[in-house]
């Protein structure tokens, strides 16, 4: 499957910087820290796209409070329209697999509740329905908590300690631990 080239990603990042005023860049390796990045999107194969389309990219943002995420989304919407016209704005056979996802940060006044995400969601179904199951970018959160939970229950079979706040603490501590985070810093 073809992917956007590094030079295409750099050129697109430069156009986004120019139009949004944000520090968009195209790292030569997977980014390690949050930022504004343009990277190839392996799931958007340009071979079946119209001839004048080069390749698909993914735009990564740092986690943002909801209001800031909406501001960035609006900036991107306007910039993409200026750069590429309306191709990306109408569903058809070419754009069927395209979509938006923005990392959201609850901000200082909000606490995101990992136990609702880890224990309250059928992860296999959710990931499978979104074509993310067994990808290099996602992993099951229950695996992040399963081994420590089983180790604890070996010493506390009734789970008395966990019935208080300890389970929440364990989940908070382990949330996101199974994600594949590449140990490579970006070079923008």
Protein backbone atom coordinates (compact mmCIF):
# COMPACT_ATOMS: atom_id res chain seq x y z
CA UNK A 1 0.00 0.00 0.00
CA UNK A 2 1.35 3.44 -0.87
CA UNK A 3 1.76 6.16 1.74
CA UNK A 4 2.37 9.87 1.64
CA UNK A 5 6.07 10.59 1.15
CA UNK A 6 8.10 12.53 3.74
CA UNK A 7 8.42 15.46 1.31
CA UNK A 8 4.63 15.52 0.77
CA UNK A 9 4.08 15.54 4.56
CA UNK A 10 6.62 18.38 4.99
CA UNK A 11 5.00 20.43 2.24
CA UNK A 12 1.55 19.92 3.75
CA UNK A 13 2.83 20.80 7.24
CA UNK A 14 4.31 24.03 5.83
CA UNK A 15 0.94 24.95 4.29
CA UNK A 16 -0.83 24.24 7.60
CA UNK A 17 1.74 26.35 9.52
CA UNK A 18 1.19 29.21 7.09
CA UNK A 19 -2.62 29.05 7.30
CA UNK A 20 -3.13 28.26 11.00
CA UNK A 21 -0.11 29.85 12.68
CA UNK A 22 0.50 26.63 14.61
CA UNK A 23 3.79 24.71 14.70
CA UNK A 24 2.82 21.89 12.31
CA UNK A 25 5.74 19.70 11.27
CA UNK A 26 6.35 16.36 9.57
CA UNK A 27 8.73 14.25 11.66
CA UNK A 28 10.95 11.77 9.89
CA UNK A 29 10.26 9.24 12.68
CA UNK A 30 7.16 8.58 14.80
CA UNK A 31 6.73 11.44 17.28
CA UNK A 32 7.41 10.72 20.94
CA UNK A 33 5.91 13.89 22.42
CA UNK A 34 2.55 15.53 21.80
CA UNK A 35 2.55 18.23 19.14
CA UNK A 36 1.08 19.22 15.78
CA UNK A 37 2.29 16.62 13.29
CA UNK A 38 1.56 15.54 9.71
CA UNK A 39 2.30 11.83 9.23
CA UNK A 40 1.44 9.32 6.49
CA UNK A 41 -1.87 7.54 7.05
CA UNK A 42 -1.30 3.93 6.11
CA UNK A 43 -5.05 3.26 5.82
CA UNK A 44 -5.65 5.76 2.99
CA UNK A 45 -4.30 4.14 -0.15
CA UNK A 46 -4.11 6.75 -2.93
CA UNK A 47 -3.93 4.18 -5.74
CA UNK A 48 -7.72 4.10 -5.95
CA UNK A 49 -8.09 7.87 -5.66
CA UNK A 50 -8.45 10.32 -8.55
CA UNK A 51 -5.21 10.93 -10.47
CA UNK A 52 -4.56 14.38 -8.99
CA UNK A 53 -4.57 13.07 -5.39
CA UNK A 54 -1.19 12.12 -3.97
CA UNK A 55 -1.81 10.35 -0.67
CA UNK A 56 -3.59 10.45 2.65
CA UNK A 57 -2.12 11.92 5.80
CA UNK A 58 -3.03 11.90 9.46
CA UNK A 59 -2.94 15.15 11.41
CA UNK A 60 -1.92 14.61 15.04
CA UNK A 61 -2.65 17.20 17.70
CA UNK A 62 -1.64 17.29 21.34
CA UNK A 63 -4.44 16.56 23.80
CA UNK A 64 -6.60 19.69 23.87
CA UNK A 65 -9.41 21.02 26.04
CA UNK A 66 -12.69 20.74 24.16
CA UNK A 67 -12.93 24.46 23.26
CA UNK A 68 -9.35 24.48 21.94
CA UNK A 69 -10.00 21.26 20.01
CA UNK A 70 -12.96 22.93 18.30
CA UNK A 71 -10.77 25.95 17.45
CA UNK A 72 -8.12 23.68 15.91
CA UNK A 73 -10.79 21.69 14.04
CA UNK A 74 -12.18 24.92 12.57
CA UNK A 75 -8.68 26.09 11.58
CA UNK A 76 -8.03 22.75 9.89
CA UNK A 77 -11.39 22.77 8.14
CA UNK A 78 -10.66 26.21 6.66
CA UNK A 79 -7.03 25.46 5.80
CA UNK A 80 -7.85 22.16 4.09
CA UNK A 81 -10.58 23.84 2.06
CA UNK A 82 -8.13 26.59 0.97
CA UNK A 83 -5.43 24.05 0.09
CA UNK A 84 -7.52 21.35 -1.59
CA UNK A 85 -10.99 22.67 -2.31
CA UNK A 86 -14.03 20.60 -1.43
CA UNK A 87 -12.64 17.13 -2.28
CA UNK A 88 -12.35 16.17 1.42
CA UNK A 89 -15.78 17.45 2.43
CA UNK A 90 -18.16 15.13 0.62
CA UNK A 91 -18.56 11.43 1.28
CA UNK A 92 -17.87 9.28 -1.75
CA UNK A 93 -15.94 6.11 -2.57
CA UNK A 94 -12.64 8.00 -2.22
CA UNK A 95 -13.24 9.62 1.16
CA UNK A 96 -15.28 6.83 2.77
CA UNK A 97 -12.41 5.86 5.11
CA UNK A 98 -11.46 9.42 6.03
CA UNK A 99 -12.56 10.95 9.31
CA UNK A 100 -11.78 13.23 12.24
CA UNK A 101 -10.43 12.23 15.60
CA UNK A 102 -8.97 14.78 17.96
CA UNK A 103 -7.24 14.02 21.25
CA UNK A 104 -9.20 15.66 24.06
CA UNK A 105 -7.83 16.75 27.42
CA UNK A 106 -10.39 17.27 30.16
CA UNK A 107 -8.44 20.31 31.38
CA UNK A 108 -7.66 21.30 34.96
CA UNK A 109 -11.27 21.32 36.13
CA UNK A 110 -12.20 17.86 34.87
CA UNK A 111 -11.09 14.34 35.66
CA UNK A 112 -11.46 11.76 32.92
CA UNK A 113 -12.55 8.50 34.50
CA UNK A 114 -10.37 5.66 33.13
CA UNK A 115 -12.39 2.92 34.85
CA UNK A 116 -15.40 3.80 32.67
CA UNK A 117 -13.25 3.37 29.56
CA UNK A 118 -11.28 0.35 30.75
CA UNK A 119 -14.05 -1.64 32.46
CA UNK A 120 -17.24 -0.17 31.00
CA UNK A 121 -16.59 -0.62 27.29
CA UNK A 122 -16.36 -3.75 25.15
CA UNK A 123 -12.90 -2.91 23.86
CA UNK A 124 -12.75 -5.73 21.32
CA UNK A 125 -16.02 -4.63 19.70
CA UNK A 126 -15.14 -0.93 19.82
CA UNK A 127 -11.70 -1.44 18.26
CA UNK A 128 -12.99 -3.93 15.68
CA UNK A 129 -15.82 -1.62 14.61
CA UNK A 130 -13.30 1.18 14.06
CA UNK A 131 -10.68 -0.95 12.25
CA UNK A 132 -8.23 -0.41 15.13
CA UNK A 133 -8.09 -3.93 16.57
CA UNK A 134 -4.55 -5.32 16.55
CA UNK A 135 -3.11 -2.20 14.92
CA UNK A 136 0.29 -0.94 15.99
CA UNK A 137 -1.36 2.19 17.43
CA UNK A 138 -3.86 0.62 19.83
CA UNK A 139 -3.89 -2.09 22.44
CA UNK A 140 -6.45 -3.39 24.90
CA UNK A 141 -6.60 -1.34 28.08
CA UNK A 142 -7.78 -4.35 30.07
CA UNK A 143 -4.32 -5.86 29.50
CA UNK A 144 -2.83 -2.80 31.20
CA UNK A 145 -4.72 -3.55 34.41
CA UNK A 146 -5.22 -7.31 34.24
CA UNK A 147 -1.81 -8.52 35.40
CA UNK A 148 -1.45 -6.04 38.31
CA UNK A 149 -5.04 -6.80 39.35
CA UNK A 150 -4.42 -10.56 39.34
CA UNK A 151 -1.18 -10.08 41.31
CA UNK A 152 -3.05 -8.06 43.91
CA UNK A 153 -5.85 -10.63 44.17
CA UNK A 154 -3.26 -13.36 44.83
CA UNK A 155 -2.54 -11.58 48.15
CA UNK A 156 -6.06 -10.21 48.77
CA UNK A 157 -8.46 -12.88 47.36
CA UNK A 158 -11.61 -11.09 48.56
CA UNK A 159 -10.55 -7.80 47.02
CA UNK A 160 -11.27 -5.93 50.27
CA UNK A 161 -8.59 -3.34 49.64
CA UNK A 162 -9.79 -2.79 46.08
CA UNK A 163 -13.37 -2.07 47.16
CA UNK A 164 -12.25 1.34 48.48
CA UNK A 165 -10.36 3.77 46.30
CA UNK A 166 -7.56 1.35 45.48
CA UNK A 167 -9.16 0.03 42.28
CA UNK A 168 -9.55 3.57 40.95
CA UNK A 169 -5.94 4.31 41.84
CA UNK A 170 -4.77 1.17 40.05
CA UNK A 171 -6.76 2.06 36.93
CA UNK A 172 -5.57 5.68 36.99
CA UNK A 173 -1.98 4.51 37.30
CA UNK A 174 -2.19 1.96 34.49
CA UNK A 175 -4.50 3.76 32.00
CA UNK A 176 -2.84 3.98 28.60
CA UNK A 177 0.04 1.72 29.61
CA UNK A 178 -0.53 -0.75 26.76
CA UNK A 179 -0.32 1.83 24.01
CA UNK A 180 2.59 1.45 21.64
CA UNK A 181 4.66 4.57 22.28
CA UNK A 182 7.73 4.60 20.08
CA UNK A 183 10.94 5.51 21.92
CA UNK A 184 12.05 7.85 19.14
CA UNK A 185 12.04 11.60 19.27
CA UNK A 186 10.70 13.56 16.32
CA UNK A 187 12.96 15.46 13.99
CA UNK A 188 11.00 18.36 12.57
